[in-house]
C-alpha atoms as a PDB file:
ATOM      1  CA  UNK A   1     -13.153 -27.565  -9.524  1.00  0.00           C
ATOM      2  CA  UNK A   2     -11.701 -30.897 -10.701  1.00  0.00           C
ATOM      3  CA  UNK A   3      -9.961 -30.574 -14.559  1.00  0.00           C
ATOM      4  CA  UNK A   4      -9.955 -34.474 -15.036  1.00  0.00           C
ATOM      5  CA  UNK A   5     -12.028 -35.819 -18.029  1.00  0.00           C
ATOM      6  CA  UNK A   6     -12.052 -38.980 -15.997  1.00  0.00           C
ATOM      7  CA  UNK A   7     -15.310 -39.709 -14.041  1.00  0.00           C
ATOM      8  CA  UNK A   8     -14.823 -42.027 -11.412  1.00  0.00           C
ATOM      9  CA  UNK A   9     -16.213 -45.555 -11.812  1.00  0.00           C
ATOM     10  CA  UNK A  10     -17.824 -45.954  -8.731  1.00  0.00           C
ATOM     11  CA  UNK A  11     -19.693 -42.485  -9.288  1.00  0.00           C
ATOM     12  CA  UNK A  12     -20.940 -44.111 -12.950  1.00  0.00           C
ATOM     13  CA  UNK A  13     -22.191 -46.908 -11.768  1.00  0.00           C
ATOM     14  CA  UNK A  14     -24.852 -44.951  -9.914  1.00  0.00           C
ATOM     15  CA  UNK A  15     -26.122 -43.113 -12.991  1.00  0.00           C
ATOM     16  CA  UNK A  16     -28.716 -44.727 -14.863  1.00  0.00           C
ATOM     17  CA  UNK A  17     -27.216 -46.292 -17.890  1.00  0.00           C
ATOM     18  CA  UNK A  18     -28.500 -43.796 -20.748  1.00  0.00           C
ATOM     19  CA  UNK A  19     -26.748 -41.211 -18.590  1.00  0.00           C
ATOM     20  CA  UNK A  20     -23.358 -43.266 -18.358  1.00  0.00           C
ATOM     21  CA  UNK A  21     -23.512 -43.898 -21.565  1.00  0.00           C
ATOM     22  CA  UNK A  22     -24.073 -40.367 -22.572  1.00  0.00           C
ATOM     23  CA  UNK A  23     -21.271 -39.590 -20.074  1.00  0.00           C
ATOM     24  CA  UNK A  24     -18.383 -42.112 -21.432  1.00  0.00           C
ATOM     25  CA  UNK A  25     -19.582 -40.930 -24.919  1.00  0.00           C
ATOM     26  CA  UNK A  26     -18.601 -37.421 -23.956  1.00  0.00           C
ATOM     27  CA  UNK A  27     -15.440 -38.375 -22.184  1.00  0.00           C
ATOM     28  CA  UNK A  28     -14.571 -40.757 -25.664  1.00  0.00           C
ATOM     29  CA  UNK A  29     -15.001 -37.809 -27.778  1.00  0.00           C
ATOM     30  CA  UNK A  30     -13.093 -34.905 -25.755  1.00  0.00           C
ATOM     31  CA  UNK A  31     -10.081 -37.506 -25.189  1.00  0.00           C
ATOM     32  CA  UNK A  32      -9.589 -37.752 -29.119  1.00  0.00           C
ATOM     33  CA  UNK A  33     -10.475 -34.032 -30.058  1.00  0.00           C
ATOM     34  CA  UNK A  34      -7.460 -31.671 -30.913  1.00  0.00           C
ATOM     35  CA  UNK A  35      -7.641 -28.471 -28.681  1.00  0.00           C
ATOM     36  CA  UNK A  36      -8.437 -25.430 -30.742  1.00  0.00           C
ATOM     37  CA  UNK A  37      -5.793 -23.362 -31.370  1.00  0.00           C
ATOM     38  CA  UNK A  38      -7.202 -19.620 -30.571  1.00  0.00           C
ATOM     39  CA  UNK A  39      -3.716 -17.571 -30.356  1.00  0.00           C
ATOM     40  CA  UNK A  40      -4.476 -15.488 -33.162  1.00  0.00           C
ATOM     41  CA  UNK A  41      -7.692 -14.200 -32.119  1.00  0.00           C
ATOM     42  CA  UNK A  42      -7.780 -11.192 -29.946  1.00  0.00           C
ATOM     43  CA  UNK A  43      -7.981 -11.868 -25.861  1.00  0.00           C
ATOM     44  CA  UNK A  44     -10.922  -9.327 -26.284  1.00  0.00           C
ATOM     45  CA  UNK A  45     -13.125 -11.353 -28.042  1.00  0.00           C
ATOM     46  CA  UNK A  46     -12.306 -14.509 -26.296  1.00  0.00           C
ATOM     47  CA  UNK A  47     -15.699 -16.047 -24.574  1.00  0.00           C
ATOM     48  CA  UNK A  48     -17.058 -19.242 -22.756  1.00  0.00           C
ATOM     49  CA  UNK A  49     -20.022 -20.844 -21.413  1.00  0.00           C
ATOM     50  CA  UNK A  50     -20.438 -23.469 -18.546  1.00  0.00           C
ATOM     51  CA  UNK A  51     -22.632 -26.399 -19.464  1.00  0.00           C
ATOM     52  CA  UNK A  52     -23.437 -28.075 -16.447  1.00  0.00           C
ATOM     53  CA  UNK A  53     -24.826 -31.389 -16.930  1.00  0.00           C
ATOM     54  CA  UNK A  54     -26.366 -32.790 -13.457  1.00  0.00           C
ATOM     55  CA  UNK A  55     -28.818 -36.427 -13.238  1.00  0.00           C
ATOM     56  CA  UNK A  56     -31.795 -36.814 -12.567  1.00  0.00           C
ATOM     57  CA  UNK A  57     -34.943 -38.301 -11.905  1.00  0.00           C
ATOM     58  CA  UNK A  58     -32.439 -40.898 -14.547  1.00  0.00           C
ATOM     59  CA  UNK A  59     -32.226 -37.646 -16.583  1.00  0.00           C
ATOM     60  CA  UNK A  60     -29.460 -35.692 -17.846  1.00  0.00           C
ATOM     61  CA  UNK A  61     -30.160 -31.886 -17.352  1.00  0.00           C
ATOM     62  CA  UNK A  62     -28.189 -29.115 -18.239  1.00  0.00           C
ATOM     63  CA  UNK A  63     -28.224 -25.716 -16.109  1.00  0.00           C
ATOM     64  CA  UNK A  64     -29.416 -22.332 -17.301  1.00  0.00           C
ATOM     65  CA  UNK A  65     -30.320 -18.926 -16.273  1.00  0.00           C
ATOM     66  CA  UNK A  66     -32.481 -16.312 -17.990  1.00  0.00           C
ATOM     67  CA  UNK A  67     -30.786 -13.398 -18.397  1.00  0.00           C
ATOM     68  CA  UNK A  68     -31.756 -10.274 -16.066  1.00  0.00           C
ATOM     69  CA  UNK A  69     -34.399  -7.490 -18.281  1.00  0.00           C
ATOM     70  CA  UNK A  70     -31.852  -4.769 -16.606  1.00  0.00           C
ATOM     71  CA  UNK A  71     -28.827  -6.045 -18.844  1.00  0.00           C
ATOM     72  CA  UNK A  72     -27.643  -4.506 -22.347  1.00  0.00           C
ATOM     73  CA  UNK A  73     -27.347  -7.270 -24.131  1.00  0.00           C
ATOM     74  CA  UNK A  74     -29.890 -10.282 -24.530  1.00  0.00           C
ATOM     75  CA  UNK A  75     -31.985  -9.117 -22.202  1.00  0.00           C
ATOM     76  CA  UNK A  76     -34.588 -11.655 -20.683  1.00  0.00           C
ATOM     77  CA  UNK A  77     -33.024 -14.398 -22.489  1.00  0.00           C
ATOM     78  CA  UNK A  78     -32.078 -18.138 -22.140  1.00  0.00           C
ATOM     79  CA  UNK A  79     -28.135 -18.409 -21.246  1.00  0.00           C
ATOM     80  CA  UNK A  80     -25.525 -21.254 -20.370  1.00  0.00           C
ATOM     81  CA  UNK A  81     -23.670 -18.943 -17.414  1.00  0.00           C
ATOM     82  CA  UNK A  82     -20.674 -17.707 -18.669  1.00  0.00           C
ATOM     83  CA  UNK A  83     -18.859 -14.557 -20.210  1.00  0.00           C
ATOM     84  CA  UNK A  84     -15.954 -12.779 -21.711  1.00  0.00           C
ATOM     85  CA  UNK A  85     -12.266 -13.776 -20.591  1.00  0.00           C
ATOM     86  CA  UNK A  86     -10.825 -11.663 -17.864  1.00  0.00           C
ATOM     87  CA  UNK A  87      -7.191 -10.761 -18.119  1.00  0.00           C
ATOM     88  CA  UNK A  88      -7.033 -12.588 -14.643  1.00  0.00           C
ATOM     89  CA  UNK A  89      -8.305 -16.011 -16.129  1.00  0.00           C
ATOM     90  CA  UNK A  90      -5.669 -18.348 -16.789  1.00  0.00           C
ATOM     91  CA  UNK A  91      -7.189 -19.886 -19.333  1.00  0.00           C
ATOM     92  CA  UNK A  92     -11.204 -20.453 -20.664  1.00  0.00           C
ATOM     93  CA  UNK A  93     -11.998 -23.028 -18.585  1.00  0.00           C
ATOM     94  CA  UNK A  94     -11.582 -20.761 -15.841  1.00  0.00           C
ATOM     95  CA  UNK A  95     -13.638 -17.836 -17.115  1.00  0.00           C
ATOM     96  CA  UNK A  96     -16.497 -20.787 -17.939  1.00  0.00           C
ATOM     97  CA  UNK A  97     -16.324 -20.986 -13.723  1.00  0.00           C
ATOM     98  CA  UNK A  98     -15.674 -17.883 -12.809  1.00  0.00           C
ATOM     99  CA  UNK A  99     -18.949 -16.670 -14.710  1.00  0.00           C
ATOM    100  CA  UNK A 100     -20.655 -19.424 -13.280  1.00  0.00           C
ATOM    101  CA  UNK A 101     -19.962 -18.489  -9.731  1.00  0.00           C
ATOM    102  CA  UNK A 102     -20.632 -14.722 -10.140  1.00  0.00           C
ATOM    103  CA  UNK A 103     -24.042 -15.640 -11.931  1.00  0.00           C
ATOM    104  CA  UNK A 104     -25.422 -18.127 -10.126  1.00  0.00           C
ATOM    105  CA  UNK A 105     -23.548 -19.032  -6.969  1.00  0.00           C
ATOM    106  CA  UNK A 106     -21.756 -22.344  -8.025  1.00  0.00           C
ATOM    107  CA  UNK A 107     -18.789 -23.360  -6.168  1.00  0.00           C
ATOM    108  CA  UNK A 108     -15.585 -22.617  -8.171  1.00  0.00           C
ATOM    109  CA  UNK A 109     -13.441 -25.177  -5.861  1.00  0.00           C
ATOM    110  CA  UNK A 110     -15.820 -28.350  -5.405  1.00  0.00           C
ATOM    111  CA  UNK A 111     -14.928 -32.202  -5.842  1.00  0.00           C
ATOM    112  CA  UNK A 112     -18.356 -33.219  -7.273  1.00  0.00           C
ATOM    113  CA  UNK A 113     -17.844 -31.046 -10.632  1.00  0.00           C
ATOM    114  CA  UNK A 114     -15.807 -32.840 -12.943  1.00  0.00           C
ATOM    115  CA  UNK A 115     -14.754 -30.692 -16.622  1.00  0.00           C
ATOM    116  CA  UNK A 116     -15.146 -33.580 -19.360  1.00  0.00           C
ATOM    117  CA  UNK A 117     -13.672 -31.288 -22.004  1.00  0.00           C
ATOM    118  CA  UNK A 118     -14.305 -28.076 -24.636  1.00  0.00           C
ATOM    119  CA  UNK A 119     -16.412 -28.136 -27.067  1.00  0.00           C
ATOM    120  CA  UNK A 120     -15.204 -26.446 -30.590  1.00  0.00           C
ATOM    121  CA  UNK A 121     -15.669 -22.732 -30.123  1.00  0.00           C
ATOM    122  CA  UNK A 122     -18.713 -21.193 -32.182  1.00  0.00           C
ATOM    123  CA  UNK A 123     -19.450 -17.653 -33.520  1.00  0.00           C
ATOM    124  CA  UNK A 124     -21.846 -14.944 -31.556  1.00  0.00           C
ATOM    125  CA  UNK A 125     -23.832 -12.304 -33.193  1.00  0.00           C
ATOM    126  CA  UNK A 126     -21.529 -10.077 -31.089  1.00  0.00           C
ATOM    127  CA  UNK A 127     -18.744 -12.276 -32.920  1.00  0.00           C
ATOM    128  CA  UNK A 128     -17.401 -13.470 -29.703  1.00  0.00           C
ATOM    129  CA  UNK A 129     -15.289 -16.192 -30.083  1.00  0.00           C
ATOM    130  CA  UNK A 130     -17.295 -18.852 -27.197  1.00  0.00           C
ATOM    131  CA  UNK A 131     -16.065 -21.735 -25.811  1.00  0.00           C
ATOM    132  CA  UNK A 132     -18.175 -24.646 -24.517  1.00  0.00           C
ATOM    133  CA  UNK A 133     -16.492 -26.137 -20.938  1.00  0.00           C
ATOM    134  CA  UNK A 134     -18.513 -29.220 -20.234  1.00  0.00           C
ATOM    135  CA  UNK A 135     -18.647 -30.297 -16.748  1.00  0.00           C
ATOM    136  CA  UNK A 136     -20.750 -33.286 -15.004  1.00  0.00           C
ATOM    137  CA  UNK A 137     -21.785 -32.163 -11.791  1.00  0.00           C
ATOM    138  CA  UNK A 138     -22.619 -35.552  -9.186  1.00  0.00           C
ATOM    139  CA  UNK A 139     -24.136 -33.995  -6.281  1.00  0.00           C
ATOM    140  CA  UNK A 140     -27.824 -32.455  -7.919  1.00  0.00           C
ATOM    141  CA  UNK A 141     -28.185 -31.099  -4.188  1.00  0.00           C
ATOM    142  CA  UNK A 142     -25.715 -28.276  -5.060  1.00  0.00           C
ATOM    143  CA  UNK A 143     -28.274 -27.157  -7.704  1.00  0.00           C
ATOM    144  CA  UNK A 144     -30.789 -26.516  -5.056  1.00  0.00           C
ATOM    145  CA  UNK A 145     -27.995 -24.175  -3.219  1.00  0.00           C
ATOM    146  CA  UNK A 146     -27.858 -21.604  -6.223  1.00  0.00           C
ATOM    147  CA  UNK A 147     -28.500 -18.229  -6.044  1.00  0.00           C
ATOM    148  CA  UNK A 148     -29.307 -16.054  -9.111  1.00  0.00           C
ATOM    149  CA  UNK A 149     -26.734 -12.746  -8.995  1.00  0.00           C
ATOM    150  CA  UNK A 150     -29.204  -9.647  -8.820  1.00  0.00           C
ATOM    151  CA  UNK A 151     -29.123  -7.514 -11.814  1.00  0.00           C
ATOM    152  CA  UNK A 152     -27.551 -10.549 -14.108  1.00  0.00           C
ATOM    153  CA  UNK A 153     -29.841 -13.239 -13.538  1.00  0.00           C
ATOM    154  CA  UNK A 154     -33.742 -13.479 -13.164  1.00  0.00           C
ATOM    155  CA  UNK A 155     -34.117 -17.366 -12.993  1.00  0.00           C
ATOM    156  CA  UNK A 156     -32.175 -20.417 -12.501  1.00  0.00           C
ATOM    157  CA  UNK A 157     -33.376 -23.917 -14.131  1.00  0.00           C
ATOM    158  CA  UNK A 158     -32.602 -26.482 -15.788  1.00  0.00           C
ATOM    159  CA  UNK A 159     -33.538 -28.439 -19.126  1.00  0.00           C
ATOM    160  CA  UNK A 160     -33.592 -32.249 -20.105  1.00  0.00           C
ATOM    161  CA  UNK A 161     -30.860 -32.859 -22.423  1.00  0.00           C
ATOM    162  CA  UNK A 162     -32.569 -35.498 -24.320  1.00  0.00           C
ATOM    163  CA  UNK A 163     -35.263 -33.264 -25.622  1.00  0.00           C
ATOM    164  CA  UNK A 164     -33.045 -31.223 -27.227  1.00  0.00           C
ATOM    165  CA  UNK A 165     -33.195 -33.806 -29.954  1.00  0.00           C
ATOM    166  CA  UNK A 166     -36.696 -34.772 -29.475  1.00  0.00           C
ATOM    167  CA  UNK A 167     -38.839 -31.653 -28.748  1.00  0.00           C
ATOM    168  CA  UNK A 168     -41.713 -33.621 -27.422  1.00  0.00           C
ATOM    169  CA  UNK A 169     -39.744 -35.144 -24.447  1.00  0.00           C
ATOM    170  CA  UNK A 170     -40.157 -31.890 -22.755  1.00  0.00           C
ATOM    171  CA  UNK A 171     -43.973 -32.529 -22.136  1.00  0.00           C
ATOM    172  CA  UNK A 172     -43.312 -35.113 -19.602  1.00  0.00           C
ATOM    173  CA  UNK A 173     -42.058 -31.898 -16.919  1.00  0.00           C
ATOM    174  CA  UNK A 174     -43.353 -28.618 -16.777  1.00  0.00           C
ATOM    175  CA  UNK A 175     -43.793 -25.691 -19.190  1.00  0.00           C
ATOM    176  CA  UNK A 176     -44.564 -22.463 -19.828  1.00  0.00           C
ATOM    177  CA  UNK A 177     -47.802 -21.837 -20.855  1.00  0.00           C
ATOM    178  CA  UNK A 178     -48.239 -21.546 -24.948  1.00  0.00           C
ATOM    179  CA  UNK A 179     -49.136 -17.756 -26.272  1.00  0.00           C
ATOM    180  CA  UNK A 180     -47.117 -16.610 -22.798  1.00  0.00           C
ATOM    181  CA  UNK A 181     -44.398 -14.311 -22.794  1.00  0.00           C
ATOM    182  CA  UNK A 182     -42.137 -17.107 -22.366  1.00  0.00           C
ATOM    183  CA  UNK A 183     -43.630 -18.834 -25.401  1.00  0.00           C
ATOM    184  CA  UNK A 184     -45.652 -16.640 -27.851  1.00  0.00           C
ATOM    185  CA  UNK A 185     -45.793 -19.422 -30.400  1.00  0.00           C
ATOM    186  CA  UNK A 186     -48.835 -21.271 -31.484  1.00  0.00           C
ATOM    187  CA  UNK A 187     -46.295 -24.814 -31.787  1.00  0.00           C
ATOM    188  CA  UNK A 188     -46.192 -26.837 -28.918  1.00  0.00           C
ATOM    189  CA  UNK A 189     -42.855 -27.750 -27.681  1.00  0.00           C
ATOM    190  CA  UNK A 190     -40.799 -26.387 -30.643  1.00  0.00           C
ATOM    191  CA  UNK A 191     -40.350 -23.476 -32.902  1.00  0.00           C
ATOM    192  CA  UNK A 192     -37.994 -22.812 -36.153  1.00  0.00           C
ATOM    193  CA  UNK A 193     -37.176 -19.841 -38.843  1.00  0.00           C
ATOM    194  CA  UNK A 194     -34.737 -19.232 -40.998  1.00  0.00           C
ATOM    195  CA  UNK A 195     -32.850 -15.762 -41.689  1.00  0.00           C
ATOM    196  CA  UNK A 196     -29.396 -14.999 -43.195  1.00  0.00           C
ATOM    197  CA  UNK A 197     -26.534 -13.187 -41.786  1.00  0.00           C
ATOM    198  CA  UNK A 198     -24.596 -10.603 -43.103  1.00  0.00           C
ATOM    199  CA  UNK A 199     -21.300 -11.393 -40.687  1.00  0.00           C
ATOM    200  CA  UNK A 200     -20.892 -14.718 -42.476  1.00  0.00           C
ATOM    201  CA  UNK A 201     -21.800 -13.895 -46.363  1.00  0.00           C
ATOM    202  CA  UNK A 202     -25.691 -14.163 -46.003  1.00  0.00           C
ATOM    203  CA  UNK A 203     -25.271 -17.528 -44.790  1.00  0.00           C
ATOM    204  CA  UNK A 204     -28.964 -19.007 -44.320  1.00  0.00           C
ATOM    205  CA  UNK A 205     -29.027 -19.340 -40.513  1.00  0.00           C
ATOM    206  CA  UNK A 206     -31.664 -21.706 -38.605  1.00  0.00           C
ATOM    207  CA  UNK A 207     -33.107 -20.713 -35.659  1.00  0.00           C
ATOM    208  CA  UNK A 208     -34.053 -22.949 -32.917  1.00  0.00           C
ATOM    209  CA  UNK A 209     -36.242 -23.022 -30.080  1.00  0.00           C
ATOM    210  CA  UNK A 210     -37.815 -24.681 -27.081  1.00  0.00           C
ATOM    211  CA  UNK A 211     -39.961 -24.326 -24.615  1.00  0.00           C
ATOM    212  CA  UNK A 212     -39.459 -24.801 -21.235  1.00  0.00           C
ATOM    213  CA  UNK A 213     -40.441 -24.244 -17.449  1.00  0.00           C
ATOM    214  CA  UNK A 214     -38.941 -20.800 -17.989  1.00  0.00           C
ATOM    215  CA  UNK A 215     -37.928 -18.581 -20.931  1.00  0.00           C
ATOM    216  CA  UNK A 216     -37.109 -20.152 -24.276  1.00  0.00           C
ATOM    217  CA  UNK A 217     -33.689 -22.191 -25.260  1.00  0.00           C
ATOM    218  CA  UNK A 218     -32.572 -20.360 -28.408  1.00  0.00           C
ATOM    219  CA  UNK A 219     -29.827 -19.084 -30.444  1.00  0.00           C
ATOM    220  CA  UNK A 220     -26.501 -19.815 -29.529  1.00  0.00           C
ATOM    221  CA  UNK A 221     -27.572 -21.552 -26.277  1.00  0.00           C
ATOM    222  CA  UNK A 222     -29.590 -23.827 -28.280  1.00  0.00           C
ATOM    223  CA  UNK A 223     -27.122 -24.744 -30.859  1.00  0.00           C
ATOM    224  CA  UNK A 224     -24.651 -25.426 -28.412  1.00  0.00           C
ATOM    225  CA  UNK A 225     -26.748 -28.036 -26.391  1.00  0.00           C
ATOM    226  CA  UNK A 226     -27.775 -29.502 -30.164  1.00  0.00           C
ATOM    227  CA  UNK A 227     -24.119 -30.339 -30.201  1.00  0.00           C
ATOM    228  CA  UNK A 228     -23.511 -31.836 -27.019  1.00  0.00           C
ATOM    229  CA  UNK A 229     -26.705 -33.798 -27.056  1.00  0.00           C
ATOM    230  CA  UNK A 230     -26.059 -35.670 -30.412  1.00  0.00           C
ATOM    231  CA  UNK A 231     -22.455 -36.410 -29.243  1.00  0.00           C
ATOM    232  CA  UNK A 232     -24.021 -37.658 -25.418  1.00  0.00           C
ATOM    233  CA  UNK A 233     -26.990 -39.679 -26.908  1.00  0.00           C
ATOM    234  CA  UNK A 234     -25.235 -40.815 -30.992  1.00  0.00           C
ATOM    235  CA  UNK A 235     -28.068 -39.622 -32.426  1.00  0.00           C
ATOM    236  CA  UNK A 236     -29.814 -37.283 -34.708  1.00  0.00           C
ATOM    237  CA  UNK A 237     -32.343 -34.077 -33.701  1.00  0.00           C
ATOM    238  CA  UNK A 238     -35.762 -35.378 -34.504  1.00  0.00           C
ATOM    239  CA  UNK A 239     -36.348 -31.881 -36.744  1.00  0.00           C
ATOM    240  CA  UNK A 240     -33.927 -30.635 -40.013  1.00  0.00           C
ATOM    241  CA  UNK A 241     -31.279 -29.398 -37.464  1.00  0.00           C
ATOM    242  CA  UNK A 242     -29.326 -27.186 -40.020  1.00  0.00           C
ATOM    243  CA  UNK A 243     -30.396 -24.858 -43.111  1.00  0.00           C
ATOM    244  CA  UNK A 244     -29.500 -25.321 -46.819  1.00  0.00           C
ATOM    245  CA  UNK A 245     -26.074 -24.472 -47.020  1.00  0.00           C
ATOM    246  CA  UNK A 246     -25.526 -23.304 -43.262  1.00  0.00           C
ATOM    247  CA  UNK A 247     -22.279 -23.333 -42.370  1.00  0.00           C
ATOM    248  CA  UNK A 248     -21.258 -25.066 -38.871  1.00  0.00           C
ATOM    249  CA  UNK A 249     -17.641 -25.918 -38.171  1.00  0.00           C
ATOM    250  CA  UNK A 250     -15.265 -23.347 -36.278  1.00  0.00           C
ATOM    251  CA  UNK A 251     -13.231 -22.844 -39.060  1.00  0.00           C
ATOM    252  CA  UNK A 252     -15.730 -22.296 -41.990  1.00  0.00           C
ATOM    253  CA  UNK A 253     -17.943 -19.514 -39.669  1.00  0.00           C
ATOM    254  CA  UNK A 254     -14.452 -17.918 -39.034  1.00  0.00           C
ATOM    255  CA  UNK A 255     -13.972 -17.868 -42.576  1.00  0.00           C
ATOM    256  CA  UNK A 256     -17.176 -16.377 -43.576  1.00  0.00           C
ATOM    257  CA  UNK A 257     -16.483 -13.584 -40.625  1.00  0.00           C
ATOM    258  CA  UNK A 258     -13.015 -12.658 -42.054  1.00  0.00           C
ATOM    259  CA  UNK A 259     -13.911 -12.668 -45.386  1.00  0.00           C
ATOM    260  CA  UNK A 260     -17.407 -10.572 -44.696  1.00  0.00           C
ATOM    261  CA  UNK A 261     -14.566  -8.272 -42.752  1.00  0.00           C
ATOM    262  CA  UNK A 262     -12.114  -7.854 -45.022  1.00  0.00           C
ATOM    263  CA  UNK A 263     -14.305  -6.662 -47.632  1.00  0.00           C
ATOM    264  CA  UNK A 264     -16.584  -4.272 -45.108  1.00  0.00           C
ATOM    265  CA  UNK A 265     -13.608  -3.119 -43.379  1.00  0.00           C
ATOM    266  CA  UNK A 266     -14.832  -0.540 -40.240  1.00  0.00           C
ATOM    267  CA  UNK A 267     -13.993   2.828 -40.446  1.00  0.00           C
ATOM    268  CA  UNK A 268     -11.895   4.189 -37.655  1.00  0.00           C
END
């Protein structure tokens, strides 16, 4: 596992022009970021996910999993490899890689994996503070040898990153059938709905759903990939990303959650 943000020039030169620009955009973005201070957050609430990017046929793709239907939380849903921080994890980068190793067998110590940086955290519906760790895999053949952990992951797949910004691009690859269990919607490749989130002061949240070759990308995983794709491709989504009044920054979301919890204390 490589913690360097710099992918060697000779490797970048082997990528398509678009992929090379995306990696460079991500590297510049992370170099300009100040790390988010999470020292005030309970360790039990810290989590990380791994956003593993790699190039295939000239396009950047993101590694994803379908969670086992045997799991108590989010069974059968699409997820980025990851989970809660363990006491033995030295940092959230280690959390993301350890979880990816446990879930899909991604090698922890591999020179072809470059950590590009950490995004600002997101807050899950379970009130976890989730930090996305963005990395680039230079040897895509490693993906072919990944193995789903029995009882945790039912399927390993990937999705074209740019199709997160323009869902119509997904039509160029295999997709599940419309109306099937994995895409029970009438829409072609993208579906959305708005709902109020009580724990965030009844903020209106826009749920994005993307049709894939497996289970749909939605919720937190979709939000994370949208953010990464916007940075990488330096452009906006072809759809309206946020609902009216929707909070986006970690500071604003944490403030709304803290305010809600102060007004609605949990009885001990």
